[in-house]
Amino acid sequence: MTAFRLMAVALVVIVACSTTWARSLEGSSLPVTSLLGGRSLSKRATFDPSCAGVYNRELLGRLSRLCDDCYNVFREPKVATECRSKCFYNPVFVQCLEYLIPADLHEEYQAHVQTVGK
C-alpha cells in the first residue's frame, strides 16, 4: 500500500475507535469530565445546537434516523446535512418525510420537530 492509503486506513480506525469510546462514556460510572481531562460533554453536543426546544433523545434520534434513511435512499451528502439543518425545520426534511413516511404519520413527525425545535 502507498503511504497515503496507510494514513487513510489509520485515520478511519482512529475515528471509529474514538466514536465507540465516546458512546461508551454514557454508561460509564466515572464522571465524563474526569475521562476527558476536565472537558465536559453536553447531552446536546451530538445534535444540532439550533434545537432549543425540549431535549428528548428519543425524538431527536427518530428525526435523525429519518434523515439517515433519506440519505441512504438518495446518496447525496447534502441531503443528510440539509435534512438536519435548522433543527429539522426545512424543506429537505419535509421532502424526506413525504417520501419515506406514510401520510398518516406526517403530523406526528411535524409535532416532534416543533417539540425539539422551539
PDB file of N, CA and C in Angstrom:
ATOM      1  N   MET A   1       0.840  -1.179   0.000  1.00  0.00           N
ATOM      2  CA  MET A   1       0.000   0.000   0.000  1.00  0.00           C
ATOM      3  C   MET A   1       0.885   1.242   0.000  1.00  0.00           C
ATOM      4  N   THR A   2       0.333   2.265  -0.560  1.00  0.00           N
ATOM      5  CA  THR A   2       1.064   3.519  -0.536  1.00  0.00           C
ATOM      6  C   THR A   2       0.943   4.151   0.845  1.00  0.00           C
ATOM      7  N   ALA A   3       1.806   5.078   1.116  1.00  0.00           N
ATOM      8  CA  ALA A   3       1.783   5.762   2.411  1.00  0.00           C
ATOM      9  C   ALA A   3       0.463   6.491   2.625  1.00  0.00           C
ATOM     10  N   PHE A   4      -0.084   7.042   1.555  1.00  0.00           N
ATOM     11  CA  PHE A   4      -1.364   7.756   1.659  1.00  0.00           C
ATOM     12  C   PHE A   4      -2.480   6.808   2.081  1.00  0.00           C
ATOM     13  N   ARG A   5      -2.529   5.630   1.489  1.00  0.00           N
ATOM     14  CA  ARG A   5      -3.578   4.666   1.849  1.00  0.00           C
ATOM     15  C   ARG A   5      -3.429   4.202   3.287  1.00  0.00           C
ATOM     16  N   LEU A   6      -2.191   3.988   3.723  1.00  0.00           N
ATOM     17  CA  LEU A   6      -1.964   3.588   5.102  1.00  0.00           C
ATOM     18  C   LEU A   6      -2.438   4.663   6.073  1.00  0.00           C
ATOM     19  N   MET A   7      -2.166   5.916   5.746  1.00  0.00           N
ATOM     20  CA  MET A   7      -2.618   7.010   6.598  1.00  0.00           C
ATOM     21  C   MET A   7      -4.136   7.088   6.606  1.00  0.00           C
ATOM     22  N   ALA A   8      -4.769   6.888   5.468  1.00  0.00           N
ATOM     23  CA  ALA A   8      -6.231   6.936   5.379  1.00  0.00           C
ATOM     24  C   ALA A   8      -6.851   5.824   6.215  1.00  0.00           C
ATOM     25  N   VAL A   9      -6.295   4.621   6.139  1.00  0.00           N
ATOM     26  CA  VAL A   9      -6.811   3.498   6.917  1.00  0.00           C
ATOM     27  C   VAL A   9      -6.630   3.775   8.410  1.00  0.00           C
ATOM     28  N   ALA A  10      -5.467   4.295   8.792  1.00  0.00           N
ATOM     29  CA  ALA A  10      -5.219   4.616  10.194  1.00  0.00           C
ATOM     30  C   ALA A  10      -6.202   5.661  10.700  1.00  0.00           C
ATOM     31  N   LEU A  11      -6.482   6.656   9.890  1.00  0.00           N
ATOM     32  CA  LEU A  11      -7.429   7.696  10.279  1.00  0.00           C
ATOM     33  C   LEU A  11      -8.821   7.121  10.495  1.00  0.00           C
ATOM     34  N   VAL A  12      -9.264   6.235   9.605  1.00  0.00           N
ATOM     35  CA  VAL A  12     -10.579   5.605   9.740  1.00  0.00           C
ATOM     36  C   VAL A  12     -10.646   4.807  11.038  1.00  0.00           C
ATOM     37  N   VAL A  13      -9.596   4.061  11.345  1.00  0.00           N
ATOM     38  CA  VAL A  13      -9.565   3.270  12.576  1.00  0.00           C
ATOM     39  C   VAL A  13      -9.615   4.177  13.798  1.00  0.00           C
ATOM     40  N   ILE A  14      -8.877   5.261  13.783  1.00  0.00           N
ATOM     41  CA  ILE A  14      -8.867   6.197  14.918  1.00  0.00           C
ATOM     42  C   ILE A  14     -10.247   6.808  15.127  1.00  0.00           C
ATOM     43  N   VAL A  15     -10.879   7.238  14.054  1.00  0.00           N
ATOM     44  CA  VAL A  15     -12.213   7.843  14.163  1.00  0.00           C
ATOM     45  C   VAL A  15     -13.217   6.825  14.672  1.00  0.00           C
ATOM     46  N   ALA A  16     -13.171   5.615  14.156  1.00  0.00           N
ATOM     47  CA  ALA A  16     -14.104   4.569  14.591  1.00  0.00           C
ATOM     48  C   ALA A  16     -13.914   4.252  16.068  1.00  0.00           C
ATOM     49  N   CYS A  17     -12.673   4.148  16.496  1.00  0.00           N
ATOM     50  CA  CYS A  17     -12.397   3.849  17.907  1.00  0.00           C
ATOM     51  C   CYS A  17     -12.833   4.988  18.813  1.00  0.00           C
ATOM     52  N   SER A  18     -12.577   6.226  18.421  1.00  0.00           N
ATOM     53  CA  SER A  18     -12.951   7.356  19.271  1.00  0.00           C
ATOM     54  C   SER A  18     -14.460   7.507  19.353  1.00  0.00           C
ATOM     55  N   THR A  19     -15.191   7.201  18.275  1.00  0.00           N
ATOM     56  CA  THR A  19     -16.650   7.251  18.297  1.00  0.00           C
ATOM     57  C   THR A  19     -17.196   6.191  19.230  1.00  0.00           C
ATOM     58  N   THR A  20     -16.661   4.992  19.149  1.00  0.00           N
ATOM     59  CA  THR A  20     -17.095   3.910  20.035  1.00  0.00           C
ATOM     60  C   THR A  20     -16.791   4.261  21.479  1.00  0.00           C
ATOM     61  N   TRP A  21     -15.619   4.827  21.744  1.00  0.00           N
ATOM     62  CA  TRP A  21     -15.231   5.203  23.094  1.00  0.00           C
ATOM     63  C   TRP A  21     -16.165   6.272  23.640  1.00  0.00           C
ATOM     64  N   ALA A  22     -16.483   7.277  22.822  1.00  0.00           N
ATOM     65  CA  ALA A  22     -17.357   8.358  23.277  1.00  0.00           C
ATOM     66  C   ALA A  22     -18.752   7.832  23.605  1.00  0.00           C
ATOM     67  N   ARG A  23     -19.258   6.906  22.805  1.00  0.00           N
ATOM     68  CA  ARG A  23     -20.578   6.335  23.084  1.00  0.00           C
ATOM     69  C   ARG A  23     -20.558   5.521  24.369  1.00  0.00           C
ATOM     70  N   SER A  24     -19.441   4.867  24.658  1.00  0.00           N
ATOM     71  CA  SER A  24     -19.360   4.055  25.865  1.00  0.00           C
ATOM     72  C   SER A  24     -19.321   4.915  27.128  1.00  0.00           C
ATOM     73  N   LEU A  25     -18.987   6.193  27.000  1.00  0.00           N
ATOM     74  CA  LEU A  25     -18.934   7.078  28.157  1.00  0.00           C
ATOM     75  C   LEU A  25     -20.297   7.280  28.785  1.00  0.00           C
ATOM     76  N   GLU A  26     -21.350   7.188  27.983  1.00  0.00           N
ATOM     77  CA  GLU A  26     -22.686   7.439  28.506  1.00  0.00           C
ATOM     78  C   GLU A  26     -23.051   6.455  29.613  1.00  0.00           C
ATOM     79  N   GLY A  27     -22.611   5.218  29.506  1.00  0.00           N
ATOM     80  CA  GLY A  27     -22.923   4.224  30.520  1.00  0.00           C
ATOM     81  C   GLY A  27     -21.860   4.079  31.576  1.00  0.00           C
ATOM     82  N   SER A  28     -20.824   4.879  31.537  1.00  0.00           N
ATOM     83  CA  SER A  28     -19.699   4.779  32.466  1.00  0.00           C
ATOM     84  C   SER A  28     -20.082   5.303  33.837  1.00  0.00           C
ATOM     85  N   SER A  29     -19.510   4.678  34.873  1.00  0.00           N
ATOM     86  CA  SER A  29     -19.759   5.161  36.221  1.00  0.00           C
ATOM     87  C   SER A  29     -18.810   6.305  36.584  1.00  0.00           C
ATOM     88  N   LEU A  30     -17.760   6.500  35.786  1.00  0.00           N
ATOM     89  CA  LEU A  30     -16.838   7.599  36.032  1.00  0.00           C
ATOM     90  C   LEU A  30     -17.413   8.897  35.497  1.00  0.00           C
ATOM     91  N   PRO A  31     -17.128  10.004  36.148  1.00  0.00           N
ATOM     92  CA  PRO A  31     -17.591  11.285  35.609  1.00  0.00           C
ATOM     93  C   PRO A  31     -16.955  11.536  34.244  1.00  0.00           C
ATOM     94  N   VAL A  32     -17.752  11.986  33.313  1.00  0.00           N
ATOM     95  CA  VAL A  32     -17.259  12.228  31.965  1.00  0.00           C
ATOM     96  C   VAL A  32     -16.134  13.247  31.974  1.00  0.00           C
ATOM     97  N   THR A  33     -16.217  14.239  32.837  1.00  0.00           N
ATOM     98  CA  THR A  33     -15.177  15.268  32.861  1.00  0.00           C
ATOM     99  C   THR A  33     -13.824  14.690  33.244  1.00  0.00           C
ATOM    100  N   SER A  34     -13.794  13.682  34.126  1.00  0.00           N
ATOM    101  CA  SER A  34     -12.510  13.101  34.506  1.00  0.00           C
ATOM    102  C   SER A  34     -11.932  12.281  33.369  1.00  0.00           C
ATOM    103  N   LEU A  35     -12.769  11.677  32.571  1.00  0.00           N
ATOM    104  CA  LEU A  35     -12.298  10.878  31.447  1.00  0.00           C
ATOM    105  C   LEU A  35     -11.825  11.739  30.291  1.00  0.00           C
ATOM    106  N   LEU A  36     -12.296  12.975  30.236  1.00  0.00           N
ATOM    107  CA  LEU A  36     -11.953  13.848  29.121  1.00  0.00           C
ATOM    108  C   LEU A  36     -10.959  14.930  29.523  1.00  0.00           C
ATOM    109  N   GLY A  37     -10.299  14.749  30.619  1.00  0.00           N
ATOM    110  CA  GLY A  37      -9.287  15.716  31.036  1.00  0.00           C
ATOM    111  C   GLY A  37      -9.871  17.051  31.439  1.00  0.00           C
ATOM    112  N   GLY A  38     -11.009  17.046  32.123  1.00  0.00           N
ATOM    113  CA  GLY A  38     -11.593  18.286  32.600  1.00  0.00           C
ATOM    114  C   GLY A  38     -12.625  18.892  31.660  1.00  0.00           C
ATOM    115  N   ARG A  39     -12.674  18.438  30.419  1.00  0.00           N
ATOM    116  CA  ARG A  39     -13.672  18.968  29.485  1.00  0.00           C
ATOM    117  C   ARG A  39     -14.973  18.220  29.671  1.00  0.00           C
ATOM    118  N   SER A  40     -16.089  18.918  29.585  1.00  0.00           N
ATOM    119  CA  SER A  40     -17.382  18.253  29.732  1.00  0.00           C
ATOM    120  C   SER A  40     -18.079  18.158  28.384  1.00  0.00           C
ATOM    121  N   LEU A  41     -18.905  17.154  28.273  1.00  0.00           N
ATOM    122  CA  LEU A  41     -19.719  16.984  27.072  1.00  0.00           C
ATOM    123  C   LEU A  41     -21.163  17.269  27.415  1.00  0.00           C
ATOM    124  N   SER A  42     -21.792  18.106  26.646  1.00  0.00           N
ATOM    125  CA  SER A  42     -23.202  18.376  26.823  1.00  0.00           C
ATOM    126  C   SER A  42     -23.999  17.229  26.217  1.00  0.00           C
ATOM    127  N   LYS A  43     -25.159  16.951  26.806  1.00  0.00           N
ATOM    128  CA  LYS A  43     -26.010  15.920  26.227  1.00  0.00           C
ATOM    129  C   LYS A  43     -26.412  16.304  24.809  1.00  0.00           C
ATOM    130  N   ARG A  44     -26.511  17.590  24.548  1.00  0.00           N
ATOM    131  CA  ARG A  44     -26.935  18.059  23.238  1.00  0.00           C
ATOM    132  C   ARG A  44     -25.778  18.166  22.246  1.00  0.00           C
ATOM    133  N   ALA A  45     -24.580  17.846  22.662  1.00  0.00           N
ATOM    134  CA  ALA A  45     -23.407  18.038  21.814  1.00  0.00           C
ATOM    135  C   ALA A  45     -23.490  17.269  20.506  1.00  0.00           C
ATOM    136  N   THR A  46     -24.169  16.138  20.502  1.00  0.00           N
ATOM    137  CA  THR A  46     -24.240  15.338  19.287  1.00  0.00           C
ATOM    138  C   THR A  46     -25.364  15.792  18.359  1.00  0.00           C
ATOM    139  N   PHE A  47     -26.173  16.736  18.801  1.00  0.00           N
ATOM    140  CA  PHE A  47     -27.287  17.196  17.991  1.00  0.00           C
ATOM    141  C   PHE A  47     -27.105  18.659  17.608  1.00  0.00           C
ATOM    142  N   ASP A  48     -27.880  19.097  16.660  1.00  0.00           N
ATOM    143  CA  ASP A  48     -27.833  20.462  16.149  1.00  0.00           C
ATOM    144  C   ASP A  48     -28.085  21.455  17.283  1.00  0.00           C
ATOM    145  N   PRO A  49     -27.190  22.408  17.484  1.00  0.00           N
ATOM    146  CA  PRO A  49     -27.396  23.394  18.556  1.00  0.00           C
ATOM    147  C   PRO A  49     -28.609  24.291  18.318  1.00  0.00           C
ATOM    148  N   SER A  50     -29.148  24.308  17.105  1.00  0.00           N
ATOM    149  CA  SER A  50     -30.339  25.116  16.852  1.00  0.00           C
ATOM    150  C   SER A  50     -31.588  24.473  17.447  1.00  0.00           C
ATOM    151  N   CYS A  51     -31.475  23.246  17.941  1.00  0.00           N
ATOM    152  CA  CYS A  51     -32.597  22.582  18.603  1.00  0.00           C
ATOM    153  C   CYS A  51     -32.677  23.106  20.031  1.00  0.00           C
ATOM    154  N   ALA A  52     -33.459  24.136  20.221  1.00  0.00           N
ATOM    155  CA  ALA A  52     -33.529  24.805  21.514  1.00  0.00           C
ATOM    156  C   ALA A  52     -34.756  24.404  22.312  1.00  0.00           C
ATOM    157  N   GLY A  53     -35.531  23.475  21.799  1.00  0.00           N
ATOM    158  CA  GLY A  53     -36.740  23.060  22.498  1.00  0.00           C
ATOM    159  C   GLY A  53     -36.453  22.023  23.551  1.00  0.00           C
ATOM    160  N   VAL A  54     -37.410  21.164  23.786  1.00  0.00           N
ATOM    161  CA  VAL A  54     -37.296  20.106  24.776  1.00  0.00           C
ATOM    162  C   VAL A  54     -36.259  19.095  24.297  1.00  0.00           C
ATOM    163  N   TYR A  55     -35.274  18.804  25.151  1.00  0.00           N
ATOM    164  CA  TYR A  55     -34.286  17.790  24.782  1.00  0.00           C
ATOM    165  C   TYR A  55     -34.901  16.428  25.036  1.00  0.00           C
ATOM    166  N   ASN A  56     -35.143  15.707  23.956  1.00  0.00           N
ATOM    167  CA  ASN A  56     -35.704  14.365  24.046  1.00  0.00           C
ATOM    168  C   ASN A  56     -34.892  13.493  23.104  1.00  0.00           C
ATOM    169  N   ARG A  57     -34.026  12.685  23.673  1.00  0.00           N
ATOM    170  CA  ARG A  57     -33.121  11.866  22.873  1.00  0.00           C
ATOM    171  C   ARG A  57     -33.881  10.959  21.905  1.00  0.00           C
ATOM    172  N   GLU A  58     -35.001  10.416  22.357  1.00  0.00           N
ATOM    173  CA  GLU A  58     -35.778   9.512  21.507  1.00  0.00           C
ATOM    174  C   GLU A  58     -36.331  10.246  20.280  1.00  0.00           C
ATOM    175  N   LEU A  59     -36.910  11.431  20.502  1.00  0.00           N
ATOM    176  CA  LEU A  59     -37.467  12.192  19.376  1.00  0.00           C
ATOM    177  C   LEU A  59     -36.362  12.646  18.425  1.00  0.00           C
ATOM    178  N   LEU A  60     -35.265  13.163  18.982  1.00  0.00           N
ATOM    179  CA  LEU A  60     -34.155  13.602  18.140  1.00  0.00           C
ATOM    180  C   LEU A  60     -33.571  12.436  17.349  1.00  0.00           C
ATOM    181  N   GLY A  61     -33.481  11.284  17.975  1.00  0.00           N
ATOM    182  CA  GLY A  61     -32.989  10.097  17.278  1.00  0.00           C
ATOM    183  C   GLY A  61     -33.920   9.668  16.164  1.00  0.00           C
ATOM    184  N   ARG A  62     -35.206   9.746  16.424  1.00  0.00           N
ATOM    185  CA  ARG A  62     -36.198   9.363  15.403  1.00  0.00           C
ATOM    186  C   ARG A  62     -36.123  10.299  14.190  1.00  0.00           C
ATOM    187  N   LEU A  63     -36.033  11.599  14.450  1.00  0.00           N
ATOM    188  CA  LEU A  63     -35.925  12.569  13.364  1.00  0.00           C
ATOM    189  C   LEU A  63     -34.607  12.393  12.609  1.00  0.00           C
ATOM    190  N   SER A  64     -33.552  12.152  13.342  1.00  0.00           N
ATOM    191  CA  SER A  64     -32.245  11.965  12.727  1.00  0.00           C
ATOM    192  C   SER A  64     -32.213  10.693  11.871  1.00  0.00           C
ATOM    193  N   ARG A  65     -32.864   9.638  12.348  1.00  0.00           N
ATOM    194  CA  ARG A  65     -32.920   8.395  11.560  1.00  0.00           C
ATOM    195  C   ARG A  65     -33.659   8.603  10.244  1.00  0.00           C
ATOM    196  N   LEU A  66     -34.682   9.448  10.258  1.00  0.00           N
ATOM    197  CA  LEU A  66     -35.384   9.749   9.015  1.00  0.00           C
ATOM    198  C   LEU A  66     -34.411  10.380   8.021  1.00  0.00           C
ATOM    199  N   CYS A  67     -33.581  11.287   8.495  1.00  0.00           N
ATOM    200  CA  CYS A  67     -32.580  11.911   7.623  1.00  0.00           C
ATOM    201  C   CYS A  67     -31.553  10.889   7.148  1.00  0.00           C
ATOM    202  N   ASP A  68     -31.143   9.987   8.036  1.00  0.00           N
ATOM    203  CA  ASP A  68     -30.210   8.925   7.635  1.00  0.00           C
ATOM    204  C   ASP A  68     -30.823   8.039   6.558  1.00  0.00           C
ATOM    205  N   ASP A  69     -32.081   7.661   6.754  1.00  0.00           N
ATOM    206  CA  ASP A  69     -32.769   6.822   5.763  1.00  0.00           C
ATOM    207  C   ASP A  69     -32.890   7.540   4.432  1.00  0.00           C
ATOM    208  N   CYS A  70     -33.182   8.814   4.488  1.00  0.00           N
ATOM    209  CA  CYS A  70     -33.313   9.608   3.267  1.00  0.00           C
ATOM    210  C   CYS A  70     -31.968   9.670   2.535  1.00  0.00           C
ATOM    211  N   TYR A  71     -30.896   9.890   3.293  1.00  0.00           N
ATOM    212  CA  TYR A  71     -29.561   9.885   2.682  1.00  0.00           C
ATOM    213  C   TYR A  71     -29.264   8.524   2.054  1.00  0.00           C
ATOM    214  N   ASN A  72     -29.627   7.442   2.743  1.00  0.00           N
ATOM    215  CA  ASN A  72     -29.368   6.107   2.214  1.00  0.00           C
ATOM    216  C   ASN A  72     -30.141   5.827   0.932  1.00  0.00           C
ATOM    217  N   VAL A  73     -31.271   6.477   0.755  1.00  0.00           N
ATOM    218  CA  VAL A  73     -32.036   6.309  -0.480  1.00  0.00           C
ATOM    219  C   VAL A  73     -31.416   7.118  -1.611  1.00  0.00           C
ATOM    220  N   PHE A  74     -31.101   8.374  -1.350  1.00  0.00           N
ATOM    221  CA  PHE A  74     -30.645   9.278  -2.411  1.00  0.00           C
ATOM    222  C   PHE A  74     -29.130   9.378  -2.550  1.00  0.00           C
ATOM    223  N   ARG A  75     -28.392   9.044  -1.502  1.00  0.00           N
ATOM    224  CA  ARG A  75     -26.919   9.071  -1.533  1.00  0.00           C
ATOM    225  C   ARG A  75     -26.350  10.408  -1.980  1.00  0.00           C
ATOM    226  N   GLU A  76     -26.983  11.469  -1.539  1.00  0.00           N
ATOM    227  CA  GLU A  76     -26.490  12.829  -1.774  1.00  0.00           C
ATOM    228  C   GLU A  76     -26.036  13.388  -0.440  1.00  0.00           C
ATOM    229  N   PRO A  77     -24.743  13.705  -0.286  1.00  0.00           N
ATOM    230  CA  PRO A  77     -24.256  14.189   1.011  1.00  0.00           C
ATOM    231  C   PRO A  77     -25.026  15.382   1.554  1.00  0.00           C
ATOM    232  N   LYS A  78     -25.452  16.280   0.680  1.00  0.00           N
ATOM    233  CA  LYS A  78     -26.161  17.452   1.191  1.00  0.00           C
ATOM    234  C   LYS A  78     -27.543  17.102   1.733  1.00  0.00           C
ATOM    235  N   VAL A  79     -28.098  15.956   1.337  1.00  0.00           N
ATOM    236  CA  VAL A  79     -29.389  15.541   1.894  1.00  0.00           C
ATOM    237  C   VAL A  79     -29.250  15.311   3.393  1.00  0.00           C
ATOM    238  N   ALA A  80     -28.203  14.625   3.803  1.00  0.00           N
ATOM    239  CA  ALA A  80     -28.011  14.331   5.224  1.00  0.00           C
ATOM    240  C   ALA A  80     -27.817  15.599   6.043  1.00  0.00           C
ATOM    241  N   THR A  81     -27.043  16.537   5.543  1.00  0.00           N
ATOM    242  CA  THR A  81     -26.784  17.757   6.317  1.00  0.00           C
ATOM    243  C   THR A  81     -27.956  18.725   6.266  1.00  0.00           C
ATOM    244  N   GLU A  82     -28.522  18.922   5.092  1.00  0.00           N
ATOM    245  CA  GLU A  82     -29.631  19.875   4.975  1.00  0.00           C
ATOM    246  C   GLU A  82     -30.890  19.371   5.666  1.00  0.00           C
ATOM    247  N   CYS A  83     -31.091  18.070   5.702  1.00  0.00           N
ATOM    248  CA  CYS A  83     -32.259  17.498   6.368  1.00  0.00           C
ATOM    249  C   CYS A  83     -32.263  17.845   7.855  1.00  0.00           C
ATOM    250  N   ARG A  84     -31.093  17.920   8.464  1.00  0.00           N
ATOM    251  CA  ARG A  84     -30.967  18.208   9.892  1.00  0.00           C
ATOM    252  C   ARG A  84     -30.857  19.704  10.201  1.00  0.00           C
ATOM    253  N   SER A  85     -30.634  20.519   9.189  1.00  0.00           N
ATOM    254  CA  SER A  85     -30.423  21.945   9.433  1.00  0.00           C
ATOM    255  C   SER A  85     -31.665  22.596  10.037  1.00  0.00           C
ATOM    256  N   LYS A  86     -31.420  23.657  10.769  1.00  0.00           N
ATOM    257  CA  LYS A  86     -32.486  24.408  11.457  1.00  0.00           C
ATOM    258  C   LYS A  86     -33.361  23.478  12.298  1.00  0.00           C
ATOM    259  N   CYS A  87     -32.705  22.500  12.911  1.00  0.00           N
ATOM    260  CA  CYS A  87     -33.388  21.537  13.779  1.00  0.00           C
ATOM    261  C   CYS A  87     -34.557  20.858  13.059  1.00  0.00           C
ATOM    262  N   PHE A  88     -34.271  20.376  11.859  1.00  0.00           N
ATOM    263  CA  PHE A  88     -35.215  19.615  11.033  1.00  0.00           C
ATOM    264  C   PHE A  88     -36.355  20.466  10.474  1.00  0.00           C
ATOM    265  N   TYR A  89     -36.287  21.776  10.651  1.00  0.00           N
ATOM    266  CA  TYR A  89     -37.344  22.662  10.155  1.00  0.00           C
ATOM    267  C   TYR A  89     -36.884  23.249   8.824  1.00  0.00           C
ATOM    268  N   ASN A  90     -37.032  22.452   7.752  1.00  0.00           N
ATOM    269  CA  ASN A  90     -36.550  22.862   6.439  1.00  0.00           C
ATOM    270  C   ASN A  90     -37.240  22.042   5.349  1.00  0.00           C
ATOM    271  N   PRO A  91     -37.173  22.492   4.105  1.00  0.00           N
ATOM    272  CA  PRO A  91     -37.866  21.797   3.004  1.00  0.00           C
ATOM    273  C   PRO A  91     -37.317  20.399   2.715  1.00  0.00           C
ATOM    274  N   VAL A  92     -36.025  20.173   2.941  1.00  0.00           N
ATOM    275  CA  VAL A  92     -35.457  18.848   2.666  1.00  0.00           C
ATOM    276  C   VAL A  92     -36.047  17.819   3.622  1.00  0.00           C
ATOM    277  N   PHE A  93     -36.181  18.193   4.898  1.00  0.00           N
ATOM    278  CA  PHE A  93     -36.788  17.274   5.863  1.00  0.00           C
ATOM    279  C   PHE A  93     -38.222  16.946   5.441  1.00  0.00           C
ATOM    280  N   VAL A  94     -38.962  17.945   5.009  1.00  0.00           N
ATOM    281  CA  VAL A  94     -40.349  17.727   4.587  1.00  0.00           C
ATOM    282  C   VAL A  94     -40.401  16.781   3.381  1.00  0.00           C
ATOM    283  N   GLN A  95     -39.489  16.964   2.430  1.00  0.00           N
ATOM    284  CA  GLN A  95     -39.449  16.072   1.274  1.00  0.00           C
ATOM    285  C   GLN A  95     -39.110  14.645   1.683  1.00  0.00           C
ATOM    286  N   CYS A  96     -38.162  14.497   2.583  1.00  0.00           N
ATOM    287  CA  CYS A  96     -37.811  13.166   3.076  1.00  0.00           C
ATOM    288  C   CYS A  96     -38.998  12.538   3.794  1.00  0.00           C
ATOM    289  N   LEU A  97     -39.667  13.337   4.604  1.00  0.00           N
ATOM    290  CA  LEU A  97     -40.840  12.869   5.335  1.00  0.00           C
ATOM    291  C   LEU A  97     -41.909  12.372   4.366  1.00  0.00           C
ATOM    292  N   GLU A  98     -42.193  13.158   3.345  1.00  0.00           N
ATOM    293  CA  GLU A  98     -43.221  12.788   2.378  1.00  0.00           C
ATOM    294  C   GLU A  98     -42.831  11.556   1.569  1.00  0.00           C
ATOM    295  N   TYR A  99     -41.558  11.393   1.319  1.00  0.00           N
ATOM    296  CA  TYR A  99     -41.088  10.281   0.509  1.00  0.00           C
ATOM    297  C   TYR A  99     -41.028   8.969   1.293  1.00  0.00           C
ATOM    298  N   LEU A 100     -40.655   9.046   2.567  1.00  0.00           N
ATOM    299  CA  LEU A 100     -40.363   7.821   3.318  1.00  0.00           C
ATOM    300  C   LEU A 100     -41.410   7.410   4.352  1.00  0.00           C
ATOM    301  N   ILE A 101     -42.202   8.333   4.818  1.00  0.00           N
ATOM    302  CA  ILE A 101     -43.122   8.055   5.929  1.00  0.00           C
ATOM    303  C   ILE A 101     -44.564   8.093   5.427  1.00  0.00           C
ATOM    304  N   PRO A 102     -45.380   7.130   5.853  1.00  0.00           N
ATOM    305  CA  PRO A 102     -46.793   7.134   5.459  1.00  0.00           C
ATOM    306  C   PRO A 102     -47.480   8.443   5.873  1.00  0.00           C
ATOM    307  N   ALA A 103     -48.395   8.892   5.049  1.00  0.00           N
ATOM    308  CA  ALA A 103     -49.050  10.190   5.245  1.00  0.00           C
ATOM    309  C   ALA A 103     -49.722  10.319   6.612  1.00  0.00           C
ATOM    310  N   ASP A 104     -50.238   9.227   7.152  1.00  0.00           N
ATOM    311  CA  ASP A 104     -50.927   9.315   8.435  1.00  0.00           C
ATOM    312  C   ASP A 104     -49.974   9.583   9.607  1.00  0.00           C
ATOM    313  N   LEU A 105     -48.662   9.509   9.384  1.00  0.00           N
ATOM    314  CA  LEU A 105     -47.689   9.792  10.435  1.00  0.00           C
ATOM    315  C   LEU A 105     -46.999  11.149  10.277  1.00  0.00           C
ATOM    316  N   HIS A 106     -47.309  11.883   9.218  1.00  0.00           N
ATOM    317  CA  HIS A 106     -46.657  13.171   8.969  1.00  0.00           C
ATOM    318  C   HIS A 106     -46.870  14.165  10.106  1.00  0.00           C
ATOM    319  N   GLU A 107     -48.101  14.274  10.578  1.00  0.00           N
ATOM    320  CA  GLU A 107     -48.379  15.231  11.656  1.00  0.00           C
ATOM    321  C   GLU A 107     -47.605  14.882  12.927  1.00  0.00           C
ATOM    322  N   GLU A 108     -47.459  13.592  13.187  1.00  0.00           N
ATOM    323  CA  GLU A 108     -46.705  13.158  14.362  1.00  0.00           C
ATOM    324  C   GLU A 108     -45.246  13.611  14.260  1.00  0.00           C
ATOM    325  N   TYR A 109     -44.629  13.417  13.095  1.00  0.00           N
ATOM    326  CA  TYR A 109     -43.239  13.836  12.899  1.00  0.00           C
ATOM    327  C   TYR A 109     -43.109  15.360  12.960  1.00  0.00           C
ATOM    328  N   GLN A 110     -44.075  16.066  12.388  1.00  0.00           N
ATOM    329  CA  GLN A 110     -44.020  17.528  12.438  1.00  0.00           C
ATOM    330  C   GLN A 110     -44.193  18.030  13.871  1.00  0.00           C
ATOM    331  N   ALA A 111     -44.970  17.335  14.685  1.00  0.00           N
ATOM    332  CA  ALA A 111     -45.100  17.688  16.094  1.00  0.00           C
ATOM    333  C   ALA A 111     -43.774  17.452  16.825  1.00  0.00           C
ATOM    334  N   HIS A 112     -43.066  16.392  16.454  1.00  0.00           N
ATOM    335  CA  HIS A 112     -41.748  16.127  17.044  1.00  0.00           C
ATOM    336  C   HIS A 112     -40.778  17.265  16.729  1.00  0.00           C
ATOM    337  N   VAL A 113     -40.821  17.754  15.479  1.00  0.00           N
ATOM    338  CA  VAL A 113     -39.955  18.869  15.091  1.00  0.00           C
ATOM    339  C   VAL A 113     -40.283  20.098  15.919  1.00  0.00           C
ATOM    340  N   GLN A 114     -41.554  20.361  16.122  1.00  0.00           N
ATOM    341  CA  GLN A 114     -41.955  21.516  16.936  1.00  0.00           C
ATOM    342  C   GLN A 114     -41.494  21.355  18.392  1.00  0.00           C
ATOM    343  N   THR A 115     -41.549  20.144  18.900  1.00  0.00           N
ATOM    344  CA  THR A 115     -41.169  19.887  20.297  1.00  0.00           C
ATOM    345  C   THR A 115     -39.682  20.151  20.528  1.00  0.00           C
ATOM    346  N   VAL A 116     -38.836  19.633  19.645  1.00  0.00           N
ATOM    347  CA  VAL A 116     -37.388  19.771  19.870  1.00  0.00           C
ATOM    348  C   VAL A 116     -36.830  21.085  19.344  1.00  0.00           C
ATOM    349  N   GLY A 117     -37.567  21.758  18.463  1.00  0.00           N
ATOM    350  CA  GLY A 117     -37.048  22.946  17.811  1.00  0.00           C
ATOM    351  C   GLY A 117     -37.287  24.260  18.524  1.00  0.00           C
ATOM    352  N   LYS A 118     -38.297  24.321  19.327  1.00  0.00           N
ATOM    353  CA  LYS A 118     -38.625  25.612  19.960  1.00  0.00           C
ATOM    354  C   LYS A 118     -37.995  25.764  21.305  1.00  0.00           C
TER     355      LYS A 118
END
